[in-house]
Protein backbone atom coordinates (compact mmCIF):
# COMPACT_ATOMS: atom_id res chain seq x y z
CA UNK A 1 39.43 6.27 -17.76
CA UNK A 2 39.35 9.00 -20.42
CA UNK A 3 42.94 10.05 -19.69
CA UNK A 4 43.14 12.35 -22.75
CA UNK A 5 40.03 14.32 -21.70
CA UNK A 6 38.12 13.56 -24.90
CA UNK A 7 34.32 13.12 -24.82
CA UNK A 8 33.52 9.40 -24.84
CA UNK A 9 30.74 8.20 -27.16
CA UNK A 10 29.46 5.66 -24.64
CA UNK A 11 30.87 3.90 -21.60
CA UNK A 12 30.46 0.27 -20.52
CA UNK A 13 32.29 -1.14 -17.51
CA UNK A 14 31.96 -4.86 -16.77
CA UNK A 15 29.18 -7.02 -18.17
CA UNK A 16 26.05 -8.75 -16.92
CA UNK A 17 27.03 -11.21 -14.20
CA UNK A 18 30.28 -9.45 -13.22
CA UNK A 19 30.73 -9.83 -9.45
CA UNK A 20 33.98 -7.86 -9.08
CA UNK A 21 33.59 -4.54 -7.27
CA UNK A 22 33.75 -1.36 -9.35
CA UNK A 23 34.84 2.06 -8.05
CA UNK A 24 34.36 5.21 -10.12
CA UNK A 25 37.17 7.41 -8.87
CA UNK A 26 37.30 10.09 -11.57
CA UNK A 27 34.66 12.34 -13.13
CA UNK A 28 33.11 10.79 -16.24
CA UNK A 29 31.36 12.89 -18.89
CA UNK A 30 30.02 10.74 -21.71
CA UNK A 31 28.01 11.74 -24.77
CA UNK A 32 26.03 8.50 -24.95
CA UNK A 33 24.78 5.95 -22.41
CA UNK A 34 26.70 4.74 -19.37
CA UNK A 35 26.39 1.12 -18.21
CA UNK A 36 28.28 -0.23 -15.21
CA UNK A 37 28.07 -3.84 -14.00
CA UNK A 38 29.73 -5.09 -10.84
CA UNK A 39 29.54 -6.64 -7.40
CA UNK A 40 29.44 -3.51 -5.26
CA UNK A 41 29.46 -0.31 -7.34
CA UNK A 42 30.81 2.81 -5.63
CA UNK A 43 30.35 6.08 -7.49
CA UNK A 44 32.88 8.42 -5.90
CA UNK A 45 32.86 11.04 -8.66
CA UNK A 46 30.22 12.59 -10.93
CA UNK A 47 28.69 10.69 -13.84
CA UNK A 48 27.14 12.63 -16.71
CA UNK A 49 25.51 11.39 -19.93
CA UNK A 50 25.12 14.53 -22.04
CA UNK A 51 23.40 13.28 -25.20
CA UNK A 52 19.61 13.77 -25.21
CA UNK A 53 17.96 10.57 -24.02
CA UNK A 54 21.20 8.79 -23.11
CA UNK A 55 20.66 6.60 -20.03
CA UNK A 56 22.73 5.62 -17.02
CA UNK A 57 22.50 2.06 -15.67
CA UNK A 58 24.27 0.83 -12.55
CA UNK A 59 23.67 -2.90 -12.09
CA UNK A 60 25.19 -4.57 -9.06
CA UNK A 61 24.95 -8.10 -7.73
CA UNK A 62 25.60 -6.52 -4.33
CA UNK A 63 25.27 -2.85 -3.29
CA UNK A 64 25.35 0.57 -4.98
CA UNK A 65 26.76 3.64 -3.23
CA UNK A 66 26.65 7.25 -4.44
CA UNK A 67 29.22 9.25 -2.48
CA UNK A 68 28.51 12.47 -0.62
CA UNK A 69 27.90 15.51 -2.85
CA UNK A 70 28.32 13.49 -6.07
CA UNK A 71 25.89 13.78 -9.01
CA UNK A 72 24.52 11.41 -11.62
CA UNK A 73 23.03 13.49 -14.43
CA UNK A 74 21.37 12.94 -17.80
CA UNK A 75 19.64 15.06 -20.45
CA UNK A 76 16.33 13.25 -20.53
CA UNK A 77 17.78 9.76 -20.19
CA UNK A 78 16.68 7.30 -17.52
CA UNK A 79 18.83 6.61 -14.46
CA UNK A 80 18.48 3.10 -13.03
CA UNK A 81 20.22 1.81 -9.91
CA UNK A 82 19.65 -1.94 -9.87
CA UNK A 83 21.13 -3.58 -6.78
CA UNK A 84 20.78 -7.26 -5.80
CA UNK A 85 20.54 -7.99 -9.52
CA UNK A 86 20.89 -11.73 -8.93
CA UNK A 87 17.67 -11.73 -6.93
CA UNK A 88 19.26 -12.39 -3.52
CA UNK A 89 19.18 -10.03 -0.53
CA UNK A 90 22.66 -8.93 0.48
CA UNK A 91 24.34 -9.02 3.88
CA UNK A 92 25.19 -5.35 4.18
CA UNK A 93 23.38 -2.52 5.94
CA UNK A 94 22.19 -0.81 2.74
CA UNK A 95 21.73 -2.21 -0.76
CA UNK A 96 21.44 1.32 -2.16
CA UNK A 97 22.95 4.24 -0.25
CA UNK A 98 22.81 7.86 -1.43
CA UNK A 99 25.10 9.79 0.88
CA UNK A 100 24.66 13.35 2.12
CA UNK A 101 24.31 15.94 -0.63
CA UNK A 102 24.25 13.43 -3.48
CA UNK A 103 21.94 14.07 -6.44
CA UNK A 104 20.32 12.27 -9.36
CA UNK A 105 19.08 14.71 -12.02
CA UNK A 106 17.48 13.55 -15.29
CA UNK A 107 15.76 16.52 -16.99
CA UNK A 108 12.76 14.38 -17.92
CA UNK A 109 14.13 10.85 -17.70
CA UNK A 110 12.84 8.29 -15.21
CA UNK A 111 14.69 7.52 -11.96
CA UNK A 112 14.49 3.99 -10.54
CA UNK A 113 16.16 2.77 -7.36
CA UNK A 114 15.54 -0.93 -6.81
CA UNK A 115 16.73 -4.41 -7.68
CA UNK A 116 15.56 -7.92 -8.44
CA UNK A 117 14.53 -9.21 -5.00
CA UNK A 118 10.91 -10.30 -4.55
CA UNK A 119 8.58 -7.94 -2.69
CA UNK A 120 4.97 -6.84 -2.50
CA UNK A 121 5.20 -5.12 -5.91
CA UNK A 122 7.12 -7.92 -7.65
CA UNK A 123 10.81 -8.72 -8.25
CA UNK A 124 11.78 -5.07 -8.09
CA UNK A 125 13.46 -4.55 -4.73
CA UNK A 126 16.90 -3.70 -3.47
CA UNK A 127 17.12 -5.83 -0.35
CA UNK A 128 19.30 -6.11 2.75
CA UNK A 129 19.50 -9.14 5.01
CA UNK A 130 21.76 -8.47 7.96
CA UNK A 131 21.73 -9.38 11.62
CA UNK A 132 20.65 -6.34 13.62
CA UNK A 133 18.64 -4.91 10.75
CA UNK A 134 19.45 -2.58 7.92
CA UNK A 135 18.14 0.13 5.63
CA UNK A 136 17.67 -1.51 2.26
CA UNK A 137 17.45 1.81 0.41
CA UNK A 138 18.91 4.74 2.34
CA UNK A 139 18.67 8.36 1.17
CA UNK A 140 20.52 10.78 3.43
CA UNK A 141 20.10 14.48 2.54
CA UNK A 142 19.78 13.40 -1.09
CA UNK A 143 18.01 15.01 -4.06
CA UNK A 144 16.15 13.19 -6.83
CA UNK A 145 14.83 15.49 -9.57
CA UNK A 146 13.17 13.97 -12.65
CA UNK A 147 11.67 17.18 -14.15
CA UNK A 148 8.76 15.37 -15.82
CA UNK A 149 10.01 11.80 -15.55
CA UNK A 150 8.73 9.18 -13.13
CA UNK A 151 10.51 8.27 -9.89
CA UNK A 152 10.29 4.78 -8.37
CA UNK A 153 12.00 3.48 -5.22
CA UNK A 154 11.77 -0.15 -4.03
CA UNK A 155 13.45 -1.36 -0.83
CA UNK A 156 13.03 -4.45 1.34
CA UNK A 157 14.62 -5.24 4.71
CA UNK A 158 14.39 -8.99 5.12
CA UNK A 159 15.34 -10.20 8.60
CA UNK A 160 15.74 -8.53 11.98
CA UNK A 161 13.93 -5.24 12.29
CA UNK A 162 15.00 -2.37 10.05
CA UNK A 163 13.69 -0.22 7.20
CA UNK A 164 12.79 -1.02 3.63
CA UNK A 165 13.23 2.63 2.56
CA UNK A 166 14.87 5.16 4.91
CA UNK A 167 14.45 8.86 4.08
CA UNK A 168 16.26 11.67 5.88
CA UNK A 169 16.14 15.30 4.72
CA UNK A 170 15.25 14.30 1.16
CA UNK A 171 14.05 16.39 -1.77
CA UNK A 172 12.29 14.13 -4.29
CA UNK A 173 10.46 16.00 -7.04
CA UNK A 174 9.17 15.84 -10.57
CA UNK A 175 7.06 18.12 -12.74
CA UNK A 176 4.41 17.85 -15.47
CA UNK A 177 2.78 14.43 -15.61
CA UNK A 178 5.68 12.75 -13.81
CA UNK A 179 4.68 10.50 -10.92
CA UNK A 180 6.42 9.28 -7.77
CA UNK A 181 6.08 5.88 -6.12
CA UNK A 182 7.98 4.74 -3.01
CA UNK A 183 7.53 1.13 -1.92
CA UNK A 184 9.08 -0.35 1.21
CA UNK A 185 8.71 -3.82 2.75
CA UNK A 186 10.27 -4.59 6.09
CA UNK A 187 10.57 -6.58 9.25
CA UNK A 188 9.51 -3.69 11.48
CA UNK A 189 9.92 -2.97 15.14
CA UNK A 190 10.92 -0.59 17.91
CA UNK A 191 14.04 -0.66 20.10
CA UNK A 192 12.80 1.87 22.68
CA UNK A 193 14.50 4.66 20.71
CA UNK A 194 13.86 4.17 16.99
CA UNK A 195 10.83 3.01 15.01
CA UNK A 196 11.44 0.72 12.02
CA UNK A 197 9.17 -0.20 9.12
CA UNK A 198 8.52 -0.38 5.41
CA UNK A 199 9.10 3.37 4.88
CA UNK A 200 10.67 5.43 7.66
CA UNK A 201 11.29 9.17 7.67
CA UNK A 202 14.06 10.30 9.99
CA UNK A 203 13.64 13.30 12.29
CA UNK A 204 14.54 15.87 9.62
CA UNK A 205 12.27 17.81 7.25
CA UNK A 206 11.63 16.25 3.83
CA UNK A 207 9.65 17.11 0.69
CA UNK A 208 8.24 14.74 -1.93
CA UNK A 209 6.34 16.52 -4.68
CA UNK A 210 4.68 16.09 -8.06
CA UNK A 211 2.73 18.64 -10.11
CA UNK A 212 0.13 16.73 -12.16
CA UNK A 213 1.28 13.16 -11.62
CA UNK A 214 0.24 10.81 -8.82
CA UNK A 215 2.22 10.32 -5.62
CA UNK A 216 2.18 6.94 -3.85
CA UNK A 217 3.80 5.78 -0.60
CA UNK A 218 3.30 2.12 0.30
CA UNK A 219 4.91 0.70 3.42
CA UNK A 220 4.36 -2.99 4.25
CA UNK A 221 5.30 -4.98 7.36
CA UNK A 222 6.34 -8.54 6.61
CA UNK A 223 6.96 -9.12 10.34
CA UNK A 224 7.27 -6.99 13.48
CA UNK A 225 8.91 -7.62 16.83
CA UNK A 226 6.82 -4.86 18.44
CA UNK A 227 3.34 -3.39 18.33
CA UNK A 228 5.20 -0.11 17.73
CA UNK A 229 6.55 -1.17 14.36
CA UNK A 230 4.63 0.47 11.50
CA UNK A 231 4.30 0.09 7.76
CA UNK A 232 5.07 3.82 7.50
CA UNK A 233 6.84 5.81 10.20
CA UNK A 234 6.53 9.57 10.00
CA UNK A 235 9.67 10.26 12.05
CA UNK A 236 12.01 7.71 13.54
CA UNK A 237 11.78 8.88 17.16
CA UNK A 238 9.08 10.25 19.46
CA UNK A 239 10.12 13.96 19.51
CA UNK A 240 8.48 16.74 21.52
CA UNK A 241 6.27 19.83 21.11
CA UNK A 242 8.99 22.25 19.95
CA UNK A 243 9.97 20.85 16.55
CA UNK A 244 9.06 22.13 13.07
CA UNK A 245 10.82 19.61 10.83
CA UNK A 246 7.81 19.23 8.57
CA UNK A 247 7.32 16.46 6.03
CA UNK A 248 5.51 17.62 2.89
CA UNK A 249 3.83 15.14 0.51
CA UNK A 250 2.47 17.34 -2.25
CA UNK A 251 0.79 17.38 -5.64
CA UNK A 252 -1.07 20.19 -7.36
CA UNK A 253 -3.51 18.06 -9.39
CA UNK A 254 -2.32 14.46 -9.01
CA UNK A 255 -3.84 11.95 -6.61
CA UNK A 256 -1.97 11.06 -3.41
CA UNK A 257 -2.16 7.56 -1.96
CA UNK A 258 -0.54 6.64 1.36
CA UNK A 259 -0.72 3.00 2.46
CA UNK A 260 0.62 1.66 5.75
CA UNK A 261 -0.15 -2.04 6.08
CA UNK A 262 0.75 -4.22 9.05
CA UNK A 263 -0.62 -7.31 7.34
CA UNK A 264 -0.91 -10.19 9.80
CA UNK A 265 1.82 -8.86 12.10
CA UNK A 266 1.40 -7.34 15.59
CA UNK A 267 2.51 -3.95 14.26
CA UNK A 268 0.53 -0.96 13.06
CA UNK A 269 -0.16 0.69 9.73
CA UNK A 270 0.99 4.31 10.15
CA UNK A 271 2.77 5.89 13.11
CA UNK A 272 3.54 9.58 13.49
CA UNK A 273 5.74 11.38 16.02
CA UNK A 274 6.27 14.99 17.12
CA UNK A 275 9.13 16.35 15.02
CA UNK A 276 6.87 18.37 12.74
CA UNK A 277 3.60 18.26 10.88
CA UNK A 278 2.96 16.06 7.84
CA UNK A 279 1.39 18.22 5.12
CA UNK A 280 -0.48 16.16 2.54
CA UNK A 281 -1.79 17.65 -0.69
CA UNK A 282 -1.11 21.36 -0.19
CA UNK A 283 2.17 22.77 1.17
CA UNK A 284 2.80 24.25 4.61
CA UNK A 285 2.17 27.74 3.17
CA UNK A 286 -1.36 26.65 2.23
CA UNK A 287 -1.00 27.56 -1.46
CA UNK A 288 -1.31 26.40 -4.12
CA UNK A 289 -4.29 24.36 -2.98
CA UNK A 290 -4.18 20.77 -4.22
CA UNK A 291 -7.08 19.49 -6.32
CA UNK A 292 -6.36 15.76 -6.53
CA UNK A 293 -7.94 13.02 -4.42
CA UNK A 294 -6.16 11.91 -1.25
CA UNK A 295 -6.47 8.37 0.08
CA UNK A 296 -4.85 7.30 3.36
CA UNK A 297 -5.11 3.57 4.11
CA UNK A 298 -3.85 1.87 7.25
CA UNK A 299 -4.41 -1.10 9.51
CA UNK A 300 -4.06 0.97 12.68
CA UNK A 301 -2.97 4.57 13.15
CA UNK A 302 -1.01 5.98 16.11
CA UNK A 303 -0.51 9.73 15.95
CA UNK A 304 1.84 12.33 17.34
CA UNK A 305 1.03 14.09 20.59
CA UNK A 306 2.14 17.59 19.53
CA UNK A 307 1.99 17.58 15.71
CA UNK A 308 -0.37 16.16 13.14
CA UNK A 309 -1.27 15.18 9.61
CA UNK A 310 -2.70 18.20 7.80
CA UNK A 311 -4.68 17.24 4.70
CA UNK A 312 -5.80 19.97 2.29
CA UNK A 313 -7.30 19.52 -1.17
CA UNK A 314 -10.43 20.40 -3.14
CA UNK A 315 -10.63 16.75 -4.19
CA UNK A 316 -12.07 13.78 -2.31
CA UNK A 317 -10.45 12.56 0.92
CA UNK A 318 -10.66 8.98 2.18
CA UNK A 319 -9.36 7.24 5.31
CA UNK A 320 -9.86 3.49 4.96
CA UNK A 321 -8.55 0.21 6.39
CA UNK A 322 -6.09 -1.78 4.31
CA UNK A 323 -8.14 -4.94 5.00
CA UNK A 324 -11.88 -5.11 5.62
CA UNK A 325 -11.66 -3.37 9.02
CA UNK A 326 -9.33 -1.23 11.06
CA UNK A 327 -7.52 -3.47 13.56
CA UNK A 328 -8.28 -1.14 16.47
CA UNK A 329 -10.77 1.61 17.32
CA UNK A 330 -9.83 4.87 15.60
CA UNK A 331 -10.40 8.53 16.44
CA UNK A 332 -10.72 11.16 13.68
CA UNK A 333 -9.07 13.59 13.96
CA UNK A 334 -6.48 11.99 16.24
CA UNK A 335 -6.16 15.21 18.29
CA UNK A 336 -6.40 18.96 17.79
CA UNK A 337 -3.18 19.12 15.75
CA UNK A 338 -4.74 17.06 12.94
CA UNK A 339 -6.71 18.42 9.97
CA UNK A 340 -8.75 15.71 8.26
CA UNK A 341 -9.96 17.28 5.04
CA UNK A 342 -9.60 21.05 4.68
CA UNK A 343 -11.40 22.38 1.54
CA UNK A 344 -12.34 18.83 0.48
CA UNK A 345 -15.14 17.95 -1.92
CA UNK A 346 -16.03 14.90 0.19
CA UNK A 347 -14.81 12.91 3.19
CA UNK A 348 -15.08 9.13 3.63
CA UNK A 349 -13.95 7.29 6.77
CA UNK A 350 -13.88 3.49 6.77
CA UNK A 351 -15.44 1.38 4.04
CA UNK A 352 -18.36 -1.03 3.71
CA UNK A 353 -17.83 -3.97 6.07
CA UNK A 354 -15.57 -2.13 8.52
CA UNK A 355 -16.40 -3.24 12.07
CA UNK A 356 -13.77 -1.13 13.81
CA UNK A 357 -15.21 1.51 16.13
CA UNK A 358 -14.87 5.13 15.06
CA UNK A 359 -15.00 8.30 17.13
CA UNK A 360 -15.37 11.72 15.48
CA UNK A 361 -13.64 14.05 17.94
CA UNK A 362 -14.43 17.43 16.36
CA UNK A 363 -16.84 19.06 13.91
CA UNK A 364 -16.18 18.31 10.23
CA UNK A 365 -17.40 20.28 7.22
CA UNK A 366 -16.90 19.39 3.55
CA UNK A 367 -18.49 20.64 0.34
CA UNK A 368 -20.16 17.35 -0.56
CA UNK A 369 -20.81 13.94 0.96
CA UNK A 370 -19.49 12.90 4.37
CA UNK A 371 -19.65 9.11 4.78
CA UNK A 372 -18.56 7.00 7.76
CA UNK A 373 -18.49 3.19 8.00
CA UNK A 374 -17.75 1.49 11.32
CA UNK A 375 -18.81 -0.73 14.17
CA UNK A 376 -19.84 1.67 16.93
CA UNK A 377 -19.83 5.30 15.77
CA UNK A 378 -19.36 8.00 18.40
CA UNK A 379 -20.03 11.55 17.24
């Protein structure tokens, strides 16, 4: 491609319905949009669309792979990775795989990683269906930077326990009004070493951050082979008391919503392990202090022994069941490592109709209302 080193006006490889594999083996710099259609698409060199607003589309009937340290970049154009475009889950470990050091940078364009498989948010998911489980969307030490655009990730693991969206040492950020939404559905579980679920963070530090836009994480269990499978897993393994690999879920003024839903399975909503704290709202440094509302919804929560969720905002904070009631008695805060609602305008635990028992394990102080709904309340 582009053997004479001229700047291409636009680049189209394949067409809709092409099932032959496509490998990008040489750097491609294109003025206009880039569209690539194939079976499995492997991007082994950089792709760049330089014209303002020019988009990049990778549409695969099978999988999409972005090689280690390679970059897809636009100047305000959207980048869309659309795996499983025929609507069928694929029999490989990952439908979308961003390898170590890879980057997608859009300077204001939207970033979408997903597909056409049906999931809890619609026909939007990249999906894997493989014996032994898979990671439908896998980001390994990858960077997504939209700089004002929206970021959406949709992954579904269909059969045998695995992860819908697997995140390890990621940096996912946008600015301005840009928002971030990560949606994972999965057959969850636990193999006595690793936890699996809708969204799973590995044992490394990660940061997901907006400025004024909303941030949403929604992990759903479609099935679970263990009570230790969770809709969202904050860390894949149990860890210990010496780790500081913090996860930071941040927004300065946007609202943050975290949903871990076990549905009708035997699993739990949110599980957290001791590889670091999970900072929600404000960063580990404590400043700037978030001002958006924070809502954390789960069926059942199991926390870390030596680290905790640390929630800090001047907005409202809510902990509520995904259904009418929590599926087990809950303690708030889980232990002394947890901070429920630092600086918050109000704190709500439960919701009307919740019959799950609630224990308040330490003194809580907020600027405004403090409301608790439960079966038996122990203060």
